[in-house]
PDB file of N, CA and C in Angstrom:
ATOM      1  N   MET A   1     146.662 104.492  98.170  1.00  0.00           N
ATOM      2  CA  MET A   1     147.176 104.216  99.416  1.00  0.00           C
ATOM      3  C   MET A   1     147.681 105.650  99.846  1.00  0.00           C
ATOM      4  N   ALA A   2     147.438 106.002 100.994  1.00  0.00           N
ATOM      5  CA  ALA A   2     147.622 107.152 101.714  1.00  0.00           C
ATOM      6  C   ALA A   2     149.091 107.526 101.968  1.00  0.00           C
ATOM      7  N   ASP A   3     149.788 108.463 101.748  1.00  0.00           N
ATOM      8  CA  ASP A   3     151.016 108.743 102.124  1.00  0.00           C
ATOM      9  C   ASP A   3     151.246 108.888 103.352  1.00  0.00           C
ATOM     10  N   SER A   4     151.900 107.863 104.100  1.00  0.00           N
ATOM     11  CA  SER A   4     152.046 107.812 105.619  1.00  0.00           C
ATOM     12  C   SER A   4     153.470 108.130 106.071  1.00  0.00           C
ATOM     13  N   ASN A   5     154.409 108.743 105.019  1.00  0.00           N
ATOM     14  CA  ASN A   5     155.488 109.399 105.281  1.00  0.00           C
ATOM     15  C   ASN A   5     155.768 110.432 106.253  1.00  0.00           C
ATOM     16  N   PRO A   6     156.676 109.969 107.332  1.00  0.00           N
ATOM     17  CA  PRO A   6     156.575 111.046 108.429  1.00  0.00           C
ATOM     18  C   PRO A   6     157.344 112.304 107.975  1.00  0.00           C
ATOM     19  N   ALA A   7     158.172 112.190 106.938  1.00  0.00           N
ATOM     20  CA  ALA A   7     158.654 113.439 106.308  1.00  0.00           C
ATOM     21  C   ALA A   7     157.792 114.311 105.503  1.00  0.00           C
ATOM     22  N   ASN A   8     156.548 113.821 105.232  1.00  0.00           N
ATOM     23  CA  ASN A   8     155.356 114.524 104.583  1.00  0.00           C
ATOM     24  C   ASN A   8     154.352 114.373 105.573  1.00  0.00           C
ATOM     25  N   PRO A   9     154.269 115.295 106.543  1.00  0.00           N
ATOM     26  CA  PRO A   9     152.803 115.156 107.333  1.00  0.00           C
ATOM     27  C   PRO A   9     151.801 115.772 106.632  1.00  0.00           C
ATOM     28  N   PRO A  10     150.455 115.365 106.966  1.00  0.00           N
ATOM     29  CA  PRO A  10     149.345 116.347 106.270  1.00  0.00           C
ATOM     30  C   PRO A  10     149.591 117.694 106.796  1.00  0.00           C
ATOM     31  N   ALA A  11     148.959 118.326 105.713  1.00  0.00           N
ATOM     32  CA  ALA A  11     148.985 119.918 105.971  1.00  0.00           C
ATOM     33  C   ALA A  11     148.006 120.221 107.019  1.00  0.00           C
ATOM     34  N   GLN A  12     148.443 121.073 107.805  1.00  0.00           N
ATOM     35  CA  GLN A  12     147.506 121.488 108.879  1.00  0.00           C
ATOM     36  C   GLN A  12     146.778 122.761 108.447  1.00  0.00           C
ATOM     37  N   PRO A  13     145.451 123.068 108.860  1.00  0.00           N
ATOM     38  CA  PRO A  13     144.862 124.453 108.299  1.00  0.00           C
ATOM     39  C   PRO A  13     145.603 125.520 109.040  1.00  0.00           C
ATOM     40  N   ALA A  14     145.756 126.642 108.331  1.00  0.00           N
ATOM     41  CA  ALA A  14     146.220 127.821 109.089  1.00  0.00           C
ATOM     42  C   ALA A  14     145.437 128.153 110.227  1.00  0.00           C
ATOM     43  N   GLN A  15     145.752 128.799 111.313  1.00  0.00           N
ATOM     44  CA  GLN A  15     145.276 129.190 112.282  1.00  0.00           C
ATOM     45  C   GLN A  15     145.100 130.823 112.296  1.00  0.00           C
ATOM     46  N   ILE A  16     143.965 131.478 112.467  1.00  0.00           N
ATOM     47  CA  ILE A  16     143.765 132.983 112.524  1.00  0.00           C
ATOM     48  C   ILE A  16     143.827 133.439 113.823  1.00  0.00           C
ATOM     49  N   GLN A  17     144.558 134.368 114.093  1.00  0.00           N
ATOM     50  CA  GLN A  17     144.424 135.161 115.422  1.00  0.00           C
ATOM     51  C   GLN A  17     143.519 136.332 115.167  1.00  0.00           C
ATOM     52  N   ILE A  18     142.325 136.182 115.963  1.00  0.00           N
ATOM     53  CA  ILE A  18     141.307 137.431 115.938  1.00  0.00           C
ATOM     54  C   ILE A  18     141.396 138.389 116.773  1.00  0.00           C
ATOM     55  N   ALA A  19     141.748 139.724 116.682  1.00  0.00           N
ATOM     56  CA  ALA A  19     141.793 140.635 117.711  1.00  0.00           C
ATOM     57  C   ALA A  19     140.567 141.277 117.920  1.00  0.00           C
ATOM     58  N   LEU A  20     139.936 141.691 119.249  1.00  0.00           N
ATOM     59  CA  LEU A  20     138.782 142.270 119.598  1.00  0.00           C
ATOM     60  C   LEU A  20     139.304 143.405 120.476  1.00  0.00           C
ATOM     61  N   ASP A  21     139.076 144.534 119.919  1.00  0.00           N
ATOM     62  CA  ASP A  21     139.453 145.647 120.878  1.00  0.00           C
ATOM     63  C   ASP A  21     138.219 145.975 121.807  1.00  0.00           C
ATOM     64  N   GLU A  22     138.257 146.806 123.007  1.00  0.00           N
ATOM     65  CA  GLU A  22     137.588 146.737 123.861  1.00  0.00           C
ATOM     66  C   GLU A  22     136.176 147.493 123.255  1.00  0.00           C
ATOM     67  N   GLU A  23     136.376 148.572 122.469  1.00  0.00           N
ATOM     68  CA  GLU A  23     134.960 149.388 122.100  1.00  0.00           C
ATOM     69  C   GLU A  23     134.392 148.398 121.191  1.00  0.00           C
ATOM     70  N   THR A  24     134.826 147.692 120.301  1.00  0.00           N
ATOM     71  CA  THR A  24     134.133 146.751 119.373  1.00  0.00           C
ATOM     72  C   THR A  24     133.527 145.430 120.514  1.00  0.00           C
ATOM     73  N   ALA A  25     134.267 145.199 121.388  1.00  0.00           N
ATOM     74  CA  ALA A  25     133.572 144.161 122.404  1.00  0.00           C
ATOM     75  C   ALA A  25     132.404 144.375 123.088  1.00  0.00           C
ATOM     76  N   GLN A  26     132.296 145.809 123.030  1.00  0.00           N
ATOM     77  CA  GLN A  26     130.917 146.303 123.758  1.00  0.00           C
ATOM     78  C   GLN A  26     129.739 145.853 122.949  1.00  0.00           C
ATOM     79  N   GLY A  27     130.072 145.580 121.691  1.00  0.00           N
ATOM     80  CA  GLY A  27     128.926 145.468 120.801  1.00  0.00           C
ATOM     81  C   GLY A  27     128.048 146.614 120.461  1.00  0.00           C
ATOM     82  N   ILE A  28     127.058 146.492 119.355  1.00  0.00           N
ATOM     83  CA  ILE A  28     126.064 147.779 119.234  1.00  0.00           C
ATOM     84  C   ILE A  28     124.727 147.079 119.115  1.00  0.00           C
ATOM     85  N   TYR A  29     123.699 147.593 119.667  1.00  0.00           N
ATOM     86  CA  TYR A  29     122.326 147.159 119.600  1.00  0.00           C
ATOM     87  C   TYR A  29     121.729 147.554 118.420  1.00  0.00           C
ATOM     88  N   ALA A  30     120.953 146.673 117.784  1.00  0.00           N
ATOM     89  CA  ALA A  30     120.231 146.744 116.515  1.00  0.00           C
ATOM     90  C   ALA A  30     119.187 146.036 116.743  1.00  0.00           C
ATOM     91  N   ASN A  31     117.732 146.441 116.191  1.00  0.00           N
ATOM     92  CA  ASN A  31     116.710 145.934 116.289  1.00  0.00           C
ATOM     93  C   ASN A  31     115.994 145.783 114.832  1.00  0.00           C
ATOM     94  N   LEU A  32     116.771 146.221 113.849  1.00  0.00           N
ATOM     95  CA  LEU A  32     116.277 146.137 112.512  1.00  0.00           C
ATOM     96  C   LEU A  32     117.494 145.784 111.402  1.00  0.00           C
ATOM     97  N   ALA A  33     117.204 144.815 110.658  1.00  0.00           N
ATOM     98  CA  ALA A  33     118.351 144.739 109.510  1.00  0.00           C
ATOM     99  C   ALA A  33     117.753 144.871 108.376  1.00  0.00           C
ATOM    100  N   MET A  34     118.565 145.650 107.346  1.00  0.00           N
ATOM    101  CA  MET A  34     118.008 145.705 105.964  1.00  0.00           C
ATOM    102  C   MET A  34     119.163 145.075 105.118  1.00  0.00           C
ATOM    103  N   ILE A  35     118.806 144.350 104.015  1.00  0.00           N
ATOM    104  CA  ILE A  35     119.756 143.666 103.396  1.00  0.00           C
ATOM    105  C   ILE A  35     119.701 143.858 101.928  1.00  0.00           C
ATOM    106  N   THR A  36     120.438 144.598 101.049  1.00  0.00           N
ATOM    107  CA  THR A  36     120.502 144.600  99.798  1.00  0.00           C
ATOM    108  C   THR A  36     121.662 143.909  99.025  1.00  0.00           C
ATOM    109  N   HIS A  37     121.375 143.597  97.803  1.00  0.00           N
ATOM    110  CA  HIS A  37     122.606 142.903  96.996  1.00  0.00           C
ATOM    111  C   HIS A  37     122.468 143.370  95.764  1.00  0.00           C
ATOM    112  N   GLY A  38     123.722 143.100  95.090  1.00  0.00           N
ATOM    113  CA  GLY A  38     124.064 143.257  93.588  1.00  0.00           C
ATOM    114  C   GLY A  38     124.468 142.097  93.129  1.00  0.00           C
ATOM    115  N   ASP A  39     125.279 141.911  92.249  1.00  0.00           N
ATOM    116  CA  ASP A  39     125.582 140.685  91.528  1.00  0.00           C
ATOM    117  C   ASP A  39     126.848 140.285  92.123  1.00  0.00           C
ATOM    118  N   SER A  40     127.582 141.315  93.083  1.00  0.00           N
ATOM    119  CA  SER A  40     128.923 140.473  93.699  1.00  0.00           C
ATOM    120  C   SER A  40     128.863 140.770  95.054  1.00  0.00           C
ATOM    121  N   GLU A  41     128.138 141.319  95.714  1.00  0.00           N
ATOM    122  CA  GLU A  41     128.148 141.570  96.964  1.00  0.00           C
ATOM    123  C   GLU A  41     126.919 141.802  97.842  1.00  0.00           C
ATOM    124  N   PHE A  42     126.811 141.587  99.031  1.00  0.00           N
ATOM    125  CA  PHE A  42     125.511 141.777  99.794  1.00  0.00           C
ATOM    126  C   PHE A  42     125.857 143.042 100.922  1.00  0.00           C
ATOM    127  N   THR A  43     125.003 143.903 101.152  1.00  0.00           N
ATOM    128  CA  THR A  43     125.186 144.861 102.258  1.00  0.00           C
ATOM    129  C   THR A  43     124.185 144.913 103.224  1.00  0.00           C
ATOM    130  N   LEU A  44     124.845 144.414 104.532  1.00  0.00           N
ATOM    131  CA  LEU A  44     123.818 144.383 105.706  1.00  0.00           C
ATOM    132  C   LEU A  44     123.736 145.486 106.506  1.00  0.00           C
ATOM    133  N   ASP A  45     122.755 146.437 106.694  1.00  0.00           N
ATOM    134  CA  ASP A  45     122.602 147.387 107.451  1.00  0.00           C
ATOM    135  C   ASP A  45     121.954 147.113 108.893  1.00  0.00           C
ATOM    136  N   PHE A  46     122.539 147.085 109.853  1.00  0.00           N
ATOM    137  CA  PHE A  46     121.961 147.093 111.074  1.00  0.00           C
ATOM    138  C   PHE A  46     121.594 148.404 111.827  1.00  0.00           C
ATOM    139  N   ILE A  47     120.288 148.551 112.368  1.00  0.00           N
ATOM    140  CA  ILE A  47     119.709 149.890 112.622  1.00  0.00           C
ATOM    141  C   ILE A  47     119.005 149.826 113.897  1.00  0.00           C
ATOM    142  N   TYR A  48     119.180 150.778 114.707  1.00  0.00           N
ATOM    143  CA  TYR A  48     118.314 150.905 115.941  1.00  0.00           C
ATOM    144  C   TYR A  48     117.178 151.880 115.704  1.00  0.00           C
ATOM    145  N   VAL A  49     115.809 151.321 115.661  1.00  0.00           N
ATOM    146  CA  VAL A  49     114.547 151.978 115.595  1.00  0.00           C
ATOM    147  C   VAL A  49     114.162 152.496 117.213  1.00  0.00           C
ATOM    148  N   GLN A  50     114.161 153.715 117.332  1.00  0.00           N
ATOM    149  CA  GLN A  50     113.471 153.856 118.879  1.00  0.00           C
ATOM    150  C   GLN A  50     112.093 154.098 118.632  1.00  0.00           C
ATOM    151  N   PRO A  51     111.470 153.559 119.752  1.00  0.00           N
ATOM    152  CA  PRO A  51     109.883 153.594 119.712  1.00  0.00           C
ATOM    153  C   PRO A  51     109.295 155.172 119.591  1.00  0.00           C
ATOM    154  N   HIS A  52     108.285 155.271 118.693  1.00  0.00           N
ATOM    155  CA  HIS A  52     107.834 156.619 118.451  1.00  0.00           C
ATOM    156  C   HIS A  52     108.698 157.833 117.862  1.00  0.00           C
ATOM    157  N   GLN A  53     109.791 157.308 117.159  1.00  0.00           N
ATOM    158  CA  GLN A  53     110.758 158.320 116.641  1.00  0.00           C
ATOM    159  C   GLN A  53     110.629 158.245 115.003  1.00  0.00           C
ATOM    160  N   PRO A  54     110.599 159.293 114.389  1.00  0.00           N
ATOM    161  CA  PRO A  54     110.365 159.121 112.824  1.00  0.00           C
ATOM    162  C   PRO A  54     111.449 158.781 112.156  1.00  0.00           C
ATOM    163  N   LYS A  55     112.953 158.929 112.689  1.00  0.00           N
ATOM    164  CA  LYS A  55     114.158 158.435 112.230  1.00  0.00           C
ATOM    165  C   LYS A  55     114.826 157.406 112.968  1.00  0.00           C
ATOM    166  N   ALA A  56     115.687 156.728 111.954  1.00  0.00           N
ATOM    167  CA  ALA A  56     116.601 155.633 112.769  1.00  0.00           C
ATOM    168  C   ALA A  56     117.761 155.767 112.163  1.00  0.00           C
ATOM    169  N   LYS A  57     118.888 155.302 112.971  1.00  0.00           N
ATOM    170  CA  LYS A  57     120.232 155.306 112.701  1.00  0.00           C
ATOM    171  C   LYS A  57     120.792 153.980 112.285  1.00  0.00           C
ATOM    172  N   VAL A  58     121.616 153.941 111.226  1.00  0.00           N
ATOM    173  CA  VAL A  58     122.316 152.636 110.969  1.00  0.00           C
ATOM    174  C   VAL A  58     123.362 152.833 111.893  1.00  0.00           C
ATOM    175  N   ARG A  59     123.671 151.574 112.572  1.00  0.00           N
ATOM    176  CA  ARG A  59     124.645 151.440 113.593  1.00  0.00           C
ATOM    177  C   ARG A  59     125.714 150.802 113.135  1.00  0.00           C
ATOM    178  N   ALA A  60     125.369 149.866 112.105  1.00  0.00           N
ATOM    179  CA  ALA A  60     126.868 149.267 111.397  1.00  0.00           C
ATOM    180  C   ALA A  60     126.296 148.792 109.997  1.00  0.00           C
ATOM    181  N   ARG A  61     127.280 148.749 109.043  1.00  0.00           N
ATOM    182  CA  ARG A  61     126.993 148.220 107.721  1.00  0.00           C
ATOM    183  C   ARG A  61     128.375 147.243 107.438  1.00  0.00           C
ATOM    184  N   ILE A  62     127.792 146.215 107.074  1.00  0.00           N
ATOM    185  CA  ILE A  62     128.815 145.094 106.516  1.00  0.00           C
ATOM    186  C   ILE A  62     128.467 145.016 105.139  1.00  0.00           C
ATOM    187  N   ILE A  63     129.590 144.867 104.428  1.00  0.00           N
ATOM    188  CA  ILE A  63     129.547 144.655 102.998  1.00  0.00           C
ATOM    189  C   ILE A  63     130.386 143.346 102.755  1.00  0.00           C
ATOM    190  N   THR A  64     129.730 142.426 102.202  1.00  0.00           N
ATOM    191  CA  THR A  64     130.481 141.175 102.208  1.00  0.00           C
ATOM    192  C   THR A  64     129.983 140.304 100.541  1.00  0.00           C
ATOM    193  N   SER A  65     130.764 139.101 100.408  1.00  0.00           N
ATOM    194  CA  SER A  65     130.384 138.523  99.215  1.00  0.00           C
ATOM    195  C   SER A  65     129.263 137.516  99.261  1.00  0.00           C
ATOM    196  N   PRO A  66     128.615 137.222  98.302  1.00  0.00           N
ATOM    197  CA  PRO A  66     127.563 136.139  98.329  1.00  0.00           C
ATOM    198  C   PRO A  66     128.101 134.785  98.930  1.00  0.00           C
ATOM    199  N   GLN A  67     129.162 134.487  98.762  1.00  0.00           N
ATOM    200  CA  GLN A  67     129.428 133.218  99.202  1.00  0.00           C
ATOM    201  C   GLN A  67     129.549 133.351 100.656  1.00  0.00           C
ATOM    202  N   HIS A  68     129.855 134.366 101.263  1.00  0.00           N
ATOM    203  CA  HIS A  68     130.027 134.598 102.838  1.00  0.00           C
ATOM    204  C   HIS A  68     128.840 134.564 103.461  1.00  0.00           C
ATOM    205  N   VAL A  69     127.903 135.457 102.831  1.00  0.00           N
ATOM    206  CA  VAL A  69     126.578 135.529 103.033  1.00  0.00           C
ATOM    207  C   VAL A  69     125.773 134.005 103.254  1.00  0.00           C
ATOM    208  N   LYS A  70     126.066 133.232 102.386  1.00  0.00           N
ATOM    209  CA  LYS A  70     125.527 131.994 102.455  1.00  0.00           C
ATOM    210  C   LYS A  70     125.941 131.104 103.604  1.00  0.00           C
ATOM    211  N   ARG A  71     127.297 131.157 103.814  1.00  0.00           N
ATOM    212  CA  ARG A  71     128.011 130.395 104.948  1.00  0.00           C
ATOM    213  C   ARG A  71     127.394 131.246 106.382  1.00  0.00           C
ATOM    214  N   LEU A  72     126.987 132.451 106.396  1.00  0.00           N
ATOM    215  CA  LEU A  72     126.840 133.049 107.543  1.00  0.00           C
ATOM    216  C   LEU A  72     125.174 132.668 107.779  1.00  0.00           C
ATOM    217  N   LEU A  73     124.371 132.554 106.796  1.00  0.00           N
ATOM    218  CA  LEU A  73     123.088 131.915 106.734  1.00  0.00           C
ATOM    219  C   LEU A  73     123.136 130.476 107.389  1.00  0.00           C
ATOM    220  N   ALA A  74     123.898 129.512 107.036  1.00  0.00           N
ATOM    221  CA  ALA A  74     124.035 128.282 107.696  1.00  0.00           C
ATOM    222  C   ALA A  74     124.361 128.325 108.791  1.00  0.00           C
ATOM    223  N   VAL A  75     125.357 128.930 109.272  1.00  0.00           N
ATOM    224  CA  VAL A  75     125.853 128.874 110.726  1.00  0.00           C
ATOM    225  C   VAL A  75     124.689 129.720 111.671  1.00  0.00           C
ATOM    226  N   MET A  76     124.049 130.721 111.059  1.00  0.00           N
ATOM    227  CA  MET A  76     123.106 131.351 111.790  1.00  0.00           C
ATOM    228  C   MET A  76     121.814 130.211 111.858  1.00  0.00           C
ATOM    229  N   GLN A  77     121.357 129.616 111.142  1.00  0.00           N
ATOM    230  CA  GLN A  77     120.566 128.446 111.359  1.00  0.00           C
ATOM    231  C   GLN A  77     120.815 127.311 112.247  1.00  0.00           C
ATOM    232  N   ASP A  78     122.398 126.835 112.067  1.00  0.00           N
ATOM    233  CA  ASP A  78     122.789 126.025 112.757  1.00  0.00           C
ATOM    234  C   ASP A  78     122.580 126.331 114.373  1.00  0.00           C
ATOM    235  N   ASN A  79     123.024 127.625 114.602  1.00  0.00           N
ATOM    236  CA  ASN A  79     122.976 128.255 116.175  1.00  0.00           C
ATOM    237  C   ASN A  79     121.438 128.568 116.541  1.00  0.00           C
ATOM    238  N   ILE A  80     120.672 128.982 115.548  1.00  0.00           N
ATOM    239  CA  ILE A  80     119.187 129.150 116.273  1.00  0.00           C
ATOM    240  C   ILE A  80     118.492 127.482 116.418  1.00  0.00           C
ATOM    241  N   ALA A  81     118.873 126.704 115.571  1.00  0.00           N
ATOM    242  CA  ALA A  81     118.478 125.414 116.251  1.00  0.00           C
ATOM    243  C   ALA A  81     119.123 124.708 117.405  1.00  0.00           C
ATOM    244  N   ARG A  82     120.424 125.170 117.417  1.00  0.00           N
ATOM    245  CA  ARG A  82     120.876 124.935 119.159  1.00  0.00           C
ATOM    246  C   ARG A  82     120.295 125.514 120.058  1.00  0.00           C
ATOM    247  N   TYR A  83     120.046 126.995 119.854  1.00  0.00           N
ATOM    248  CA  TYR A  83     119.368 127.659 120.650  1.00  0.00           C
ATOM    249  C   TYR A  83     118.065 127.138 121.374  1.00  0.00           C
ATOM    250  N   GLU A  84     117.324 126.994 120.246  1.00  0.00           N
ATOM    251  CA  GLU A  84     115.963 126.291 120.569  1.00  0.00           C
ATOM    252  C   GLU A  84     116.021 125.060 121.311  1.00  0.00           C
ATOM    253  N   ALA A  85     116.681 124.155 120.811  1.00  0.00           N
ATOM    254  CA  ALA A  85     116.865 123.015 121.599  1.00  0.00           C
ATOM    255  C   ALA A  85     117.180 123.202 122.979  1.00  0.00           C
ATOM    256  N   LYS A  86     118.024 124.065 123.413  1.00  0.00           N
ATOM    257  CA  LYS A  86     118.327 124.452 124.930  1.00  0.00           C
ATOM    258  C   LYS A  86     117.125 125.226 125.456  1.00  0.00           C
ATOM    259  N   PHE A  87     116.761 126.264 124.792  1.00  0.00           N
ATOM    260  CA  PHE A  87     115.820 127.215 125.513  1.00  0.00           C
ATOM    261  C   PHE A  87     114.394 127.157 124.934  1.00  0.00           C
ATOM    262  N   GLY A  88     114.181 126.625 124.074  1.00  0.00           N
ATOM    263  CA  GLY A  88     112.843 126.503 123.707  1.00  0.00           C
ATOM    264  C   GLY A  88     112.465 127.390 122.264  1.00  0.00           C
ATOM    265  N   THR A  89     111.641 127.296 121.546  1.00  0.00           N
ATOM    266  CA  THR A  89     111.441 127.845 120.417  1.00  0.00           C
ATOM    267  C   THR A  89     111.204 129.396 120.547  1.00  0.00           C
ATOM    268  N   ILE A  90     111.742 130.026 119.675  1.00  0.00           N
ATOM    269  CA  ILE A  90     112.082 131.780 119.658  1.00  0.00           C
ATOM    270  C   ILE A  90     110.732 132.034 118.861  1.00  0.00           C
ATOM    271  N   ARG A  91     109.802 132.850 119.753  1.00  0.00           N
ATOM    272  CA  ARG A  91     108.380 133.181 119.281  1.00  0.00           C
ATOM    273  C   ARG A  91     108.487 134.646 118.741  1.00  0.00           C
ATOM    274  N   GLN A  92     107.895 134.764 117.588  1.00  0.00           N
ATOM    275  CA  GLN A  92     107.982 136.131 117.021  1.00  0.00           C
ATOM    276  C   GLN A  92     106.524 136.627 117.141  1.00  0.00           C
ATOM    277  N   SER A  93     106.324 137.862 118.069  1.00  0.00           N
ATOM    278  CA  SER A  93     104.930 138.136 118.345  1.00  0.00           C
ATOM    279  C   SER A  93     104.382 139.019 117.098  1.00  0.00           C
ATOM    280  N   GLU A  94     105.231 139.748 116.467  1.00  0.00           N
ATOM    281  CA  GLU A  94     104.691 140.444 115.222  1.00  0.00           C
ATOM    282  C   GLU A  94     105.606 140.345 114.010  1.00  0.00           C
ATOM    283  N   PRO A  95     105.117 140.652 112.951  1.00  0.00           N
ATOM    284  CA  PRO A  95     106.034 140.833 111.760  1.00  0.00           C
ATOM    285  C   PRO A  95     106.854 141.863 111.937  1.00  0.00           C
ATOM    286  N   PRO A  96     108.100 142.035 111.443  1.00  0.00           N
ATOM    287  CA  PRO A  96     108.912 142.976 111.740  1.00  0.00           C
ATOM    288  C   PRO A  96     108.431 144.338 110.875  1.00  0.00           C
ATOM    289  N   PRO A  97     108.759 145.496 111.322  1.00  0.00           N
ATOM    290  CA  PRO A  97     108.099 146.558 110.789  1.00  0.00           C
ATOM    291  C   PRO A  97     108.395 146.875 109.420  1.00  0.00           C
ATOM    292  N   ASN A  98     107.545 147.335 108.500  1.00  0.00           N
ATOM    293  CA  ASN A  98     107.777 147.657 107.293  1.00  0.00           C
ATOM    294  C   ASN A  98     108.430 149.134 106.995  1.00  0.00           C
ATOM    295  N   VAL A  99     109.579 149.115 106.829  1.00  0.00           N
ATOM    296  CA  VAL A  99     110.408 150.280 106.599  1.00  0.00           C
ATOM    297  C   VAL A  99     111.285 150.354 105.444  1.00  0.00           C
ATOM    298  N   PRO A 100     110.665 150.225 104.028  1.00  0.00           N
ATOM    299  CA  PRO A 100     111.485 150.278 103.027  1.00  0.00           C
ATOM    300  C   PRO A 100     111.922 151.449 102.474  1.00  0.00           C
ATOM    301  N   ASN A 101     111.380 152.516 102.709  1.00  0.00           N
ATOM    302  CA  ASN A 101     111.745 153.791 102.410  1.00  0.00           C
ATOM    303  C   ASN A 101     112.432 154.655 103.404  1.00  0.00           C
ATOM    304  N   LEU A 102     113.102 154.013 104.400  1.00  0.00           N
ATOM    305  CA  LEU A 102     113.689 154.727 105.474  1.00  0.00           C
ATOM    306  C   LEU A 102     114.925 155.135 104.911  1.00  0.00           C
ATOM    307  N   PRO A 103     115.107 156.632 105.075  1.00  0.00           N
ATOM    308  CA  PRO A 103     116.171 157.349 104.424  1.00  0.00           C
ATOM    309  C   PRO A 103     117.335 157.158 105.002  1.00  0.00           C
ATOM    310  N   VAL A 104     118.623 156.912 104.371  1.00  0.00           N
ATOM    311  CA  VAL A 104     119.932 156.403 105.109  1.00  0.00           C
ATOM    312  C   VAL A 104     120.591 157.843 104.843  1.00  0.00           C
ATOM    313  N   HIS A 105     120.865 158.327 106.176  1.00  0.00           N
ATOM    314  CA  HIS A 105     121.873 159.592 106.048  1.00  0.00           C
ATOM    315  C   HIS A 105     123.274 159.323 106.819  1.00  0.00           C
TER     316      HIS A 105
END
């Protein structure tokens, strides 16, 4: 039987207050992502490739745990499904560019 004693209310999850400064709120555009991983972390590089330019710049790098990447994948799949239910299927016109040897400086 569950403890219904008012002196012992169920634990409430901690609430996190997230701060978003003005510069970060502007966002950064990226049209390519490269993902690498080791045994304990994933590295996600978000890159902007300009048309007809031989160089591209990493705009942001996120390093995180495998567990967080798996949670991120699940929430991204859920959001894509909800987006497509509302706006229609996202079409991919071409496969992403193959840039495995893009130097990172």
